[in-house]
Amino acid sequence: MLHDAEKYKADDEAQRERVAATNNLESYAYHLKAAVTDESVRDRISDADRKAVLDKCSEVSLVCLFVCL
């Protein structure tokens, strides 16, 4: 059993790093989406730019969903 744990240690660490990176990206997209929809920022950004940011945030969320599967 200990031998198996050592055998898969590198794979487990790579998976852990991938999940952490995915979580960080999804968190960044969430905070960016919240920022551009905030009332105090809403007037300072064009509708086209806000739509572009929101579309990319949605795209990132979908990618993160499929990466975690």
Protein backbone atom coordinates (compact mmCIF):
# COMPACT_ATOMS: atom_id res chain seq x y z
CA MET A 1 0.00 0.00 0.00
CA LEU A 2 2.85 2.39 0.83
CA HIS A 3 4.47 1.50 -2.47
CA ASP A 4 1.27 2.46 -4.33
CA ALA A 5 1.12 5.77 -2.49
CA GLU A 6 4.66 6.62 -3.52
CA LYS A 7 3.99 5.45 -7.05
CA TYR A 8 1.06 7.85 -7.50
CA LYS A 9 2.48 10.74 -5.48
CA ALA A 10 3.57 12.72 -8.56
CA ASP A 11 0.20 12.17 -10.25
CA ASP A 12 -1.63 13.25 -7.12
CA GLU A 13 0.47 16.41 -6.84
CA ALA A 14 -0.12 17.27 -10.51
CA GLN A 15 -3.86 16.78 -10.04
CA ARG A 16 -3.80 18.94 -6.90
CA GLU A 17 -2.00 21.74 -8.77
CA ARG A 18 -4.41 21.51 -11.72
CA VAL A 19 -7.43 21.73 -9.42
CA ALA A 20 -5.90 24.69 -7.55
CA ALA A 21 -5.20 26.51 -10.82
CA THR A 22 -8.72 25.85 -12.05
CA ASN A 23 -10.20 27.11 -8.78
CA ASN A 24 -8.08 30.26 -8.92
CA LEU A 25 -9.13 30.97 -12.50
CA GLU A 26 -12.79 30.42 -11.72
CA SER A 27 -12.53 32.66 -8.66
CA TYR A 28 -10.87 35.39 -10.74
CA ALA A 29 -13.64 35.18 -13.36
CA TYR A 30 -16.30 35.36 -10.63
CA HIS A 31 -14.75 38.47 -9.06
CA LEU A 32 -14.26 40.10 -12.45
CA LYS A 33 -17.90 39.45 -13.31
CA ALA A 34 -19.00 40.93 -9.99
CA ALA A 35 -16.79 43.98 -10.57
CA VAL A 36 -18.18 44.85 -14.01
CA THR A 37 -21.78 44.43 -12.86
CA ASP A 38 -21.25 46.57 -9.75
CA GLU A 39 -23.26 49.82 -9.85
CA SER A 40 -20.22 51.99 -9.10
CA VAL A 41 -18.33 50.59 -12.10
CA ARG A 42 -21.27 50.14 -14.42
CA ASP A 43 -21.24 53.75 -15.60
CA ARG A 44 -17.48 53.80 -16.25
CA ILE A 45 -17.39 50.90 -18.69
CA SER A 46 -19.09 50.70 -22.07
CA ASP A 47 -21.86 48.21 -22.68
CA ALA A 48 -19.76 46.50 -25.36
CA ASP A 49 -16.79 46.10 -23.01
CA ARG A 50 -19.01 44.85 -20.18
CA LYS A 51 -20.63 42.33 -22.53
CA ALA A 52 -17.21 41.15 -23.74
CA VAL A 53 -16.00 40.65 -20.16
CA LEU A 54 -19.18 38.84 -19.13
CA ASP A 55 -19.00 36.58 -22.19
CA LYS A 56 -15.38 35.65 -21.40
CA CYS A 57 -16.26 35.02 -17.76
CA SER A 58 -19.03 32.66 -18.84
CA GLU A 59 -16.62 30.94 -21.23
CA VAL A 60 -14.06 30.51 -18.44
CA SER A 61 -16.73 29.05 -16.16
CA LEU A 62 -17.66 26.47 -18.81
CA VAL A 63 -14.04 25.56 -19.42
CA CYS A 64 -13.47 25.14 -15.69
CA LEU A 65 -16.51 22.91 -15.48
CA PHE A 66 -15.22 20.60 -18.21
CA VAL A 67 -11.67 20.58 -16.82
CA CYS A 68 -12.92 19.40 -13.45
CA LEU A 69 -14.79 16.47 -14.99
